[in-house]
């Protein structure tokens, strides 16, 4: 199974569809809110959401949606990354509700060699997240520093930290 890519493996215009999707539960949303100390009643209090919001129900916190989509992209985009350098933009387009299933896809917008080190490069990507009905809910662009094949070979190959089974 591929886990990330080297600089040479990225092609401008390539689209990676992240699978499987994730059905967002009330538990997921509440746990994320509590871990991050986001106590807004829109996310935690169904009575509040039903009575006082345009949605009539709880909305999943946007930072969880972003984090989920970022995680979905790791096997295709940043599994070999040296660093995530920048989140250039983050837009929440439509709400996500408990029970929605999210999917993601990432498009390679550009890439260029590092100016400071010749064994790595920068990949500029846009990730879109959408619900089971095709509604786009989140879009973000980021720059990721990834290794070249030279970098990977110099450090022991594809998965140098992966343990080998004892015989």
N, C-alpha and C. Protein backbone atom coordinates (compact mmCIF):
# COMPACT_ATOMS: atom_id res chain seq x y z
N UNK A 1 0.83 -1.18 0.00
CA UNK A 1 0.00 0.00 0.00
C UNK A 1 0.88 1.24 0.00
N UNK A 2 0.56 2.16 -0.87
CA UNK A 2 1.32 3.41 -0.93
C UNK A 2 0.96 4.28 0.26
N UNK A 3 1.97 4.91 0.84
CA UNK A 3 1.75 5.83 1.95
C UNK A 3 2.53 7.10 1.68
N UNK A 4 1.89 8.04 1.01
CA UNK A 4 2.55 9.28 0.63
C UNK A 4 3.32 9.11 -0.67
N UNK A 5 3.95 10.19 -1.08
CA UNK A 5 4.69 10.20 -2.35
C UNK A 5 5.98 11.00 -2.19
N UNK A 6 6.95 10.66 -3.01
CA UNK A 6 8.14 11.49 -3.12
C UNK A 6 7.84 12.62 -4.10
N UNK A 7 8.70 13.60 -4.12
CA UNK A 7 8.52 14.76 -4.99
C UNK A 7 8.32 14.35 -6.45
N UNK A 8 9.11 13.40 -6.90
CA UNK A 8 9.05 12.98 -8.30
C UNK A 8 7.72 12.33 -8.66
N UNK A 9 7.04 11.77 -7.68
CA UNK A 9 5.77 11.06 -7.95
C UNK A 9 4.56 11.98 -8.09
N UNK A 10 4.69 13.22 -7.71
CA UNK A 10 3.59 14.17 -7.85
C UNK A 10 3.58 14.76 -9.25
N UNK A 11 2.39 14.84 -9.84
CA UNK A 11 2.23 15.47 -11.15
C UNK A 11 1.20 16.58 -11.02
N UNK A 12 1.54 17.75 -11.52
CA UNK A 12 0.59 18.87 -11.50
C UNK A 12 -0.66 18.45 -12.27
N UNK A 13 -1.81 18.68 -11.67
CA UNK A 13 -3.09 18.30 -12.27
C UNK A 13 -3.63 16.97 -11.79
N UNK A 14 -2.79 16.16 -11.15
CA UNK A 14 -3.25 14.87 -10.64
C UNK A 14 -4.32 15.08 -9.57
N UNK A 15 -5.30 14.19 -9.53
CA UNK A 15 -6.36 14.23 -8.53
C UNK A 15 -6.35 12.90 -7.79
N UNK A 16 -6.27 12.97 -6.47
CA UNK A 16 -6.29 11.78 -5.62
C UNK A 16 -7.61 11.75 -4.87
N UNK A 17 -8.39 10.70 -5.08
CA UNK A 17 -9.67 10.53 -4.39
C UNK A 17 -9.42 9.70 -3.14
N UNK A 18 -9.70 10.29 -1.99
CA UNK A 18 -9.41 9.64 -0.71
C UNK A 18 -10.57 8.72 -0.31
N UNK A 19 -10.20 7.50 0.00
CA UNK A 19 -11.20 6.51 0.36
C UNK A 19 -10.60 5.59 1.42
N UNK A 20 -11.34 5.12 2.38
CA UNK A 20 -12.79 5.23 2.51
C UNK A 20 -13.21 6.57 3.10
N UNK A 21 -14.50 6.82 3.03
CA UNK A 21 -15.06 8.00 3.66
C UNK A 21 -15.25 7.76 5.15
N UNK A 22 -15.83 8.74 5.83
CA UNK A 22 -16.07 8.63 7.28
C UNK A 22 -17.45 9.20 7.58
N UNK A 23 -18.28 8.40 8.23
CA UNK A 23 -19.57 8.89 8.70
C UNK A 23 -19.34 9.56 10.04
N UNK A 24 -19.73 10.82 10.13
CA UNK A 24 -19.50 11.62 11.33
C UNK A 24 -20.62 11.37 12.33
N UNK A 25 -20.24 10.99 13.53
CA UNK A 25 -21.23 10.71 14.57
C UNK A 25 -21.30 11.87 15.56
N UNK A 26 -22.36 11.87 16.34
CA UNK A 26 -22.48 12.87 17.40
C UNK A 26 -21.32 12.73 18.38
N UNK A 27 -20.93 11.49 18.66
CA UNK A 27 -19.81 11.25 19.57
C UNK A 27 -18.53 11.89 19.04
N UNK A 28 -18.23 11.70 17.74
CA UNK A 28 -17.03 12.30 17.12
C UNK A 28 -17.01 13.81 17.34
N UNK A 29 -18.14 14.44 17.04
CA UNK A 29 -18.27 15.88 17.12
C UNK A 29 -18.09 16.36 18.56
N UNK A 30 -18.79 15.72 19.49
CA UNK A 30 -18.71 16.14 20.89
C UNK A 30 -17.32 15.92 21.46
N UNK A 31 -16.70 14.79 21.15
CA UNK A 31 -15.35 14.52 21.65
C UNK A 31 -14.37 15.57 21.15
N UNK A 32 -14.43 15.88 19.86
CA UNK A 32 -13.53 16.89 19.30
C UNK A 32 -13.75 18.24 19.98
N UNK A 33 -15.01 18.61 20.15
CA UNK A 33 -15.32 19.88 20.82
C UNK A 33 -14.76 19.91 22.24
N UNK A 34 -14.94 18.83 22.96
CA UNK A 34 -14.46 18.79 24.35
C UNK A 34 -12.94 18.78 24.42
N UNK A 35 -12.30 18.05 23.53
CA UNK A 35 -10.83 18.01 23.52
C UNK A 35 -10.22 19.37 23.19
N UNK A 36 -10.91 20.14 22.37
CA UNK A 36 -10.38 21.43 21.94
C UNK A 36 -11.00 22.61 22.68
N UNK A 37 -11.82 22.31 23.67
CA UNK A 37 -12.46 23.31 24.53
C UNK A 37 -13.37 24.26 23.74
N UNK A 38 -13.97 23.75 22.69
CA UNK A 38 -14.94 24.53 21.93
C UNK A 38 -16.32 24.19 22.48
N UNK A 39 -16.85 25.04 23.30
CA UNK A 39 -18.10 24.75 23.99
C UNK A 39 -19.30 25.47 23.39
N UNK A 40 -19.21 25.84 22.13
CA UNK A 40 -20.33 26.56 21.50
C UNK A 40 -21.54 25.63 21.46
N UNK A 41 -22.70 26.12 21.91
CA UNK A 41 -23.89 25.26 21.96
C UNK A 41 -24.38 24.79 20.59
N UNK A 42 -23.99 25.46 19.51
CA UNK A 42 -24.37 25.00 18.18
C UNK A 42 -23.90 23.57 17.95
N UNK A 43 -22.78 23.20 18.58
CA UNK A 43 -22.20 21.88 18.38
C UNK A 43 -22.60 20.89 19.48
N UNK A 44 -22.92 21.36 20.65
CA UNK A 44 -23.10 20.48 21.82
C UNK A 44 -24.53 20.39 22.36
N UNK A 45 -25.35 21.37 22.10
CA UNK A 45 -26.66 21.47 22.75
C UNK A 45 -27.75 21.36 21.69
N UNK A 46 -28.36 20.18 21.56
CA UNK A 46 -29.36 19.98 20.51
C UNK A 46 -30.60 20.85 20.74
N UNK A 47 -30.97 21.09 21.98
CA UNK A 47 -32.11 21.95 22.27
C UNK A 47 -31.85 23.36 21.75
N UNK A 48 -30.68 23.89 22.04
CA UNK A 48 -30.29 25.22 21.54
C UNK A 48 -30.33 25.24 20.01
N UNK A 49 -29.71 24.24 19.38
CA UNK A 49 -29.63 24.21 17.92
C UNK A 49 -31.02 24.13 17.29
N UNK A 50 -31.89 23.34 17.88
CA UNK A 50 -33.25 23.18 17.34
C UNK A 50 -34.06 24.47 17.46
N UNK A 51 -33.91 25.16 18.56
CA UNK A 51 -34.77 26.32 18.84
C UNK A 51 -34.24 27.66 18.32
N UNK A 52 -32.92 27.79 18.16
CA UNK A 52 -32.39 29.13 17.90
C UNK A 52 -31.53 29.26 16.64
N UNK A 53 -31.34 28.19 15.88
CA UNK A 53 -30.48 28.31 14.70
C UNK A 53 -31.27 28.07 13.42
N UNK A 54 -30.73 28.53 12.32
CA UNK A 54 -31.35 28.31 11.02
C UNK A 54 -31.30 26.84 10.61
N UNK A 55 -30.37 26.09 11.19
CA UNK A 55 -30.19 24.69 10.80
C UNK A 55 -31.19 23.75 11.48
N UNK A 56 -31.65 24.12 12.68
CA UNK A 56 -32.60 23.30 13.41
C UNK A 56 -32.01 22.05 14.02
N UNK A 57 -30.69 21.93 13.96
CA UNK A 57 -30.01 20.78 14.57
C UNK A 57 -28.53 21.13 14.72
N UNK A 58 -27.82 20.30 15.46
CA UNK A 58 -26.40 20.55 15.69
C UNK A 58 -25.61 20.51 14.38
N UNK A 59 -24.63 21.41 14.29
CA UNK A 59 -23.70 21.45 13.17
C UNK A 59 -22.37 20.92 13.69
N UNK A 60 -21.75 20.05 12.91
CA UNK A 60 -20.44 19.51 13.28
C UNK A 60 -19.42 20.64 13.22
N UNK A 61 -18.57 20.73 14.23
CA UNK A 61 -17.57 21.79 14.31
C UNK A 61 -16.63 21.73 13.09
N UNK A 62 -16.42 22.89 12.47
CA UNK A 62 -15.65 22.96 11.22
C UNK A 62 -14.22 22.48 11.33
N UNK A 63 -13.58 22.71 12.46
CA UNK A 63 -12.18 22.27 12.59
C UNK A 63 -12.06 20.75 12.61
N UNK A 64 -13.10 20.07 13.06
CA UNK A 64 -13.09 18.61 12.98
C UNK A 64 -13.18 18.18 11.51
N UNK A 65 -14.04 18.83 10.75
CA UNK A 65 -14.18 18.50 9.33
C UNK A 65 -12.84 18.69 8.62
N UNK A 66 -12.20 19.84 8.87
CA UNK A 66 -10.87 20.10 8.27
C UNK A 66 -9.87 19.02 8.69
N UNK A 67 -9.82 18.71 9.98
CA UNK A 67 -8.87 17.72 10.48
C UNK A 67 -9.12 16.34 9.89
N UNK A 68 -10.38 15.98 9.75
CA UNK A 68 -10.74 14.69 9.17
C UNK A 68 -10.28 14.61 7.72
N UNK A 69 -10.54 15.66 6.95
CA UNK A 69 -10.13 15.67 5.55
C UNK A 69 -8.61 15.67 5.41
N UNK A 70 -7.93 16.40 6.28
CA UNK A 70 -6.47 16.39 6.27
C UNK A 70 -5.97 14.97 6.52
N UNK A 71 -6.55 14.31 7.50
CA UNK A 71 -6.16 12.93 7.80
C UNK A 71 -6.43 11.98 6.65
N UNK A 72 -7.57 12.15 5.99
CA UNK A 72 -7.89 11.29 4.84
C UNK A 72 -6.85 11.43 3.73
N UNK A 73 -6.24 12.60 3.62
CA UNK A 73 -5.31 12.85 2.52
C UNK A 73 -3.90 12.31 2.79
N UNK A 74 -3.61 11.91 4.00
CA UNK A 74 -2.24 11.50 4.35
C UNK A 74 -1.72 10.36 3.47
N UNK A 75 -2.46 9.26 3.27
CA UNK A 75 -1.89 8.18 2.44
C UNK A 75 -1.56 8.60 1.01
N UNK A 76 -2.31 9.57 0.48
CA UNK A 76 -2.11 10.00 -0.90
C UNK A 76 -1.15 11.17 -1.04
N UNK A 77 -1.10 12.06 -0.04
CA UNK A 77 -0.36 13.31 -0.19
C UNK A 77 0.83 13.41 0.77
N UNK A 78 0.58 13.39 2.06
CA UNK A 78 1.62 13.77 3.01
C UNK A 78 2.18 12.63 3.86
N UNK A 79 1.96 11.40 3.45
CA UNK A 79 2.48 10.27 4.22
C UNK A 79 3.99 10.23 4.32
N UNK A 80 4.68 10.82 3.38
CA UNK A 80 6.15 10.90 3.42
C UNK A 80 6.63 12.32 3.72
N UNK A 81 5.72 13.22 4.01
CA UNK A 81 6.06 14.64 4.16
C UNK A 81 7.13 14.87 5.22
N UNK A 82 7.97 15.84 4.95
CA UNK A 82 8.94 16.33 5.92
C UNK A 82 8.25 17.35 6.81
N UNK A 83 7.36 18.16 6.20
CA UNK A 83 6.62 19.17 6.98
C UNK A 83 5.44 19.69 6.18
N UNK A 84 4.37 20.01 6.89
CA UNK A 84 3.30 20.84 6.32
C UNK A 84 3.75 22.27 6.57
N UNK A 85 3.97 23.02 5.50
CA UNK A 85 4.54 24.36 5.63
C UNK A 85 3.51 25.45 5.85
N UNK A 86 2.34 25.30 5.22
CA UNK A 86 1.39 26.40 5.26
C UNK A 86 0.00 25.91 4.88
N UNK A 87 -0.98 26.36 5.60
CA UNK A 87 -2.37 26.25 5.17
C UNK A 87 -2.70 27.62 4.61
N UNK A 88 -2.79 27.71 3.31
CA UNK A 88 -2.97 29.01 2.67
C UNK A 88 -4.40 29.53 2.81
N UNK A 89 -5.35 28.63 2.67
CA UNK A 89 -6.75 29.04 2.79
C UNK A 89 -7.56 27.87 3.33
N UNK A 90 -8.62 28.20 4.02
CA UNK A 90 -9.54 27.20 4.57
C UNK A 90 -10.93 27.79 4.50
N UNK A 91 -11.80 27.15 3.74
CA UNK A 91 -13.17 27.66 3.59
C UNK A 91 -14.16 26.56 3.93
N UNK A 92 -15.12 26.91 4.77
CA UNK A 92 -16.23 26.01 5.08
C UNK A 92 -17.39 26.46 4.20
N UNK A 93 -17.80 25.61 3.29
CA UNK A 93 -18.76 25.96 2.24
C UNK A 93 -20.20 25.66 2.68
N UNK A 94 -20.40 24.52 3.31
CA UNK A 94 -21.74 24.09 3.73
C UNK A 94 -21.61 23.32 5.03
N UNK A 95 -22.69 23.27 5.81
CA UNK A 95 -22.61 22.57 7.09
C UNK A 95 -22.59 21.05 6.94
N UNK A 96 -22.00 20.41 7.94
CA UNK A 96 -22.03 18.96 8.07
C UNK A 96 -22.82 18.65 9.33
N UNK A 97 -23.64 17.62 9.25
CA UNK A 97 -24.48 17.23 10.38
C UNK A 97 -24.14 15.81 10.82
N UNK A 98 -24.51 15.48 12.05
CA UNK A 98 -24.32 14.12 12.56
C UNK A 98 -25.00 13.15 11.59
N UNK A 99 -24.28 12.11 11.22
CA UNK A 99 -24.81 11.12 10.28
C UNK A 99 -24.37 11.32 8.85
N UNK A 100 -23.81 12.49 8.51
CA UNK A 100 -23.29 12.71 7.16
C UNK A 100 -22.00 11.90 6.98
N UNK A 101 -21.79 11.42 5.76
CA UNK A 101 -20.55 10.73 5.43
C UNK A 101 -19.71 11.65 4.56
N UNK A 102 -18.45 11.82 4.94
CA UNK A 102 -17.54 12.71 4.22
C UNK A 102 -16.56 11.92 3.36
N UNK A 103 -16.25 12.50 2.21
CA UNK A 103 -15.24 11.98 1.31
C UNK A 103 -14.35 13.16 0.93
N UNK A 104 -13.16 12.86 0.45
CA UNK A 104 -12.26 13.93 0.07
C UNK A 104 -11.50 13.61 -1.19
N UNK A 105 -11.01 14.68 -1.82
CA UNK A 105 -10.12 14.53 -2.96
C UNK A 105 -9.16 15.70 -2.97
N UNK A 106 -7.95 15.41 -3.42
CA UNK A 106 -6.90 16.43 -3.47
C UNK A 106 -6.38 16.56 -4.88
N UNK A 107 -6.22 17.81 -5.32
CA UNK A 107 -5.66 18.12 -6.64
C UNK A 107 -4.30 18.76 -6.44
N UNK A 108 -3.31 18.31 -7.21
CA UNK A 108 -1.98 18.91 -7.19
C UNK A 108 -2.03 20.15 -8.08
N UNK A 109 -1.84 21.32 -7.46
CA UNK A 109 -1.92 22.58 -8.19
C UNK A 109 -0.57 23.01 -8.77
N UNK A 110 0.51 22.69 -8.05
CA UNK A 110 1.84 23.10 -8.49
C UNK A 110 2.87 22.35 -7.67
N UNK A 111 4.10 22.40 -8.10
CA UNK A 111 5.22 21.85 -7.33
C UNK A 111 6.49 22.53 -7.80
N UNK A 112 7.47 22.62 -6.89
CA UNK A 112 8.76 23.22 -7.23
C UNK A 112 9.82 22.69 -6.27
N UNK A 113 11.08 22.67 -6.73
CA UNK A 113 12.17 22.22 -5.87
C UNK A 113 12.40 23.21 -4.73
N UNK A 114 12.86 22.70 -3.62
CA UNK A 114 13.23 23.56 -2.49
C UNK A 114 14.38 24.48 -2.91
N UNK A 115 14.35 25.71 -2.45
CA UNK A 115 15.42 26.65 -2.75
C UNK A 115 16.63 26.45 -1.85
N UNK A 116 16.42 25.84 -0.68
CA UNK A 116 17.51 25.72 0.28
C UNK A 116 18.17 24.34 0.30
N UNK A 117 17.44 23.28 -0.08
CA UNK A 117 18.00 21.93 -0.04
C UNK A 117 17.54 21.16 -1.27
N UNK A 118 18.49 20.53 -1.94
CA UNK A 118 18.17 19.86 -3.20
C UNK A 118 17.59 18.46 -3.05
N UNK A 119 17.37 18.01 -1.82
CA UNK A 119 16.82 16.67 -1.61
C UNK A 119 15.35 16.69 -1.21
N UNK A 120 14.67 17.80 -1.50
CA UNK A 120 13.25 17.92 -1.17
C UNK A 120 12.59 18.94 -2.09
N UNK A 121 11.27 18.91 -2.08
CA UNK A 121 10.52 19.84 -2.90
C UNK A 121 9.23 20.25 -2.20
N UNK A 122 8.56 21.23 -2.78
CA UNK A 122 7.31 21.74 -2.22
C UNK A 122 6.18 21.35 -3.18
N UNK A 123 5.11 20.84 -2.61
CA UNK A 123 3.93 20.48 -3.39
C UNK A 123 2.77 21.34 -2.88
N UNK A 124 2.07 21.97 -3.81
CA UNK A 124 0.96 22.86 -3.49
C UNK A 124 -0.32 22.15 -3.91
N UNK A 125 -1.20 21.89 -2.94
CA UNK A 125 -2.39 21.09 -3.20
C UNK A 125 -3.66 21.76 -2.68
N UNK A 126 -4.78 21.35 -3.26
CA UNK A 126 -6.09 21.77 -2.78
C UNK A 126 -6.90 20.52 -2.46
N UNK A 127 -7.45 20.48 -1.25
CA UNK A 127 -8.29 19.36 -0.82
C UNK A 127 -9.72 19.84 -0.70
N UNK A 128 -10.64 19.05 -1.26
CA UNK A 128 -12.07 19.32 -1.16
C UNK A 128 -12.73 18.17 -0.41
N UNK A 129 -13.63 18.54 0.49
CA UNK A 129 -14.42 17.53 1.18
C UNK A 129 -15.87 17.68 0.80
N UNK A 130 -16.51 16.56 0.60
CA UNK A 130 -17.91 16.60 0.21
C UNK A 130 -18.71 15.51 0.91
N UNK A 131 -20.00 15.75 1.04
CA UNK A 131 -20.90 14.80 1.70
C UNK A 131 -21.38 13.74 0.71
N UNK A 132 -22.09 12.76 1.26
CA UNK A 132 -22.60 11.64 0.49
C UNK A 132 -23.46 12.07 -0.69
N UNK A 133 -24.07 13.23 -0.63
CA UNK A 133 -24.91 13.71 -1.74
C UNK A 133 -24.13 14.58 -2.73
N UNK A 134 -22.82 14.72 -2.52
CA UNK A 134 -21.98 15.51 -3.42
C UNK A 134 -21.80 16.96 -3.02
N UNK A 135 -22.48 17.41 -1.97
CA UNK A 135 -22.34 18.79 -1.50
C UNK A 135 -20.93 19.04 -0.98
N UNK A 136 -20.25 20.03 -1.54
CA UNK A 136 -18.91 20.39 -1.06
C UNK A 136 -19.08 21.11 0.28
N UNK A 137 -18.34 20.66 1.29
CA UNK A 137 -18.46 21.25 2.63
C UNK A 137 -17.22 22.02 3.06
N UNK A 138 -16.06 21.68 2.52
CA UNK A 138 -14.81 22.30 2.98
C UNK A 138 -13.78 22.25 1.86
N UNK A 139 -13.02 23.34 1.71
CA UNK A 139 -11.94 23.40 0.73
C UNK A 139 -10.75 24.08 1.39
N UNK A 140 -9.58 23.46 1.27
CA UNK A 140 -8.38 24.11 1.79
C UNK A 140 -7.20 23.86 0.88
N UNK A 141 -6.29 24.83 0.89
CA UNK A 141 -5.05 24.74 0.11
C UNK A 141 -3.88 24.76 1.07
N UNK A 142 -2.89 23.94 0.75
CA UNK A 142 -1.71 23.89 1.62
C UNK A 142 -0.46 23.60 0.80
N UNK A 143 0.68 23.91 1.43
CA UNK A 143 1.99 23.63 0.86
C UNK A 143 2.66 22.59 1.76
N UNK A 144 3.15 21.54 1.11
CA UNK A 144 3.74 20.41 1.83
C UNK A 144 5.17 20.21 1.33
N UNK A 145 6.11 20.10 2.26
CA UNK A 145 7.49 19.78 1.89
C UNK A 145 7.62 18.26 1.87
N UNK A 146 8.02 17.72 0.73
CA UNK A 146 8.15 16.28 0.57
C UNK A 146 9.57 15.92 0.15
N UNK A 147 9.99 14.70 0.47
CA UNK A 147 11.34 14.28 0.10
C UNK A 147 11.44 13.90 -1.37
N UNK A 148 12.65 14.02 -1.91
CA UNK A 148 12.93 13.46 -3.24
C UNK A 148 13.31 12.00 -3.04
N UNK A 149 13.44 11.29 -4.14
CA UNK A 149 13.89 9.89 -4.05
C UNK A 149 15.29 9.82 -3.44
N UNK A 150 16.13 10.81 -3.73
CA UNK A 150 17.49 10.86 -3.16
C UNK A 150 17.43 10.93 -1.64
N UNK A 151 16.56 11.77 -1.11
CA UNK A 151 16.38 11.91 0.34
C UNK A 151 15.96 10.57 0.95
N UNK A 152 14.97 9.92 0.32
CA UNK A 152 14.44 8.66 0.84
C UNK A 152 15.52 7.57 0.84
N UNK A 153 16.25 7.45 -0.25
CA UNK A 153 17.30 6.42 -0.35
C UNK A 153 18.40 6.65 0.67
N UNK A 154 18.77 7.91 0.89
CA UNK A 154 19.84 8.24 1.84
C UNK A 154 19.45 7.91 3.28
N UNK A 155 18.17 7.75 3.54
CA UNK A 155 17.70 7.49 4.91
C UNK A 155 17.15 6.07 5.09
N UNK A 156 17.51 5.18 4.20
CA UNK A 156 17.15 3.78 4.42
C UNK A 156 16.01 3.25 3.58
N UNK A 157 15.55 4.01 2.61
CA UNK A 157 14.52 3.49 1.71
C UNK A 157 13.11 3.90 2.08
N UNK A 158 12.17 3.16 1.55
CA UNK A 158 10.76 3.50 1.60
C UNK A 158 10.20 3.64 3.02
N UNK A 159 10.46 2.69 3.89
CA UNK A 159 9.91 2.71 5.24
C UNK A 159 10.97 2.30 6.26
N UNK A 160 11.98 3.14 6.47
CA UNK A 160 13.10 2.74 7.32
C UNK A 160 12.72 2.52 8.78
N UNK A 161 11.67 3.13 9.27
CA UNK A 161 11.28 2.96 10.67
C UNK A 161 10.32 1.83 10.93
N UNK A 162 9.89 1.15 9.86
CA UNK A 162 8.92 0.07 10.03
C UNK A 162 9.61 -1.16 10.59
N UNK A 163 9.09 -1.71 11.68
CA UNK A 163 9.73 -2.88 12.27
C UNK A 163 9.53 -4.12 11.39
N UNK A 164 10.49 -4.99 11.46
CA UNK A 164 10.37 -6.26 10.72
C UNK A 164 10.01 -7.35 11.72
N UNK A 165 9.19 -8.32 11.28
CA UNK A 165 8.77 -9.38 12.20
C UNK A 165 9.98 -10.22 12.62
N UNK A 166 9.93 -10.68 13.85
CA UNK A 166 10.97 -11.58 14.33
C UNK A 166 10.69 -12.97 13.80
N UNK A 167 11.75 -13.64 13.40
CA UNK A 167 11.57 -14.99 12.82
C UNK A 167 11.44 -16.04 13.90
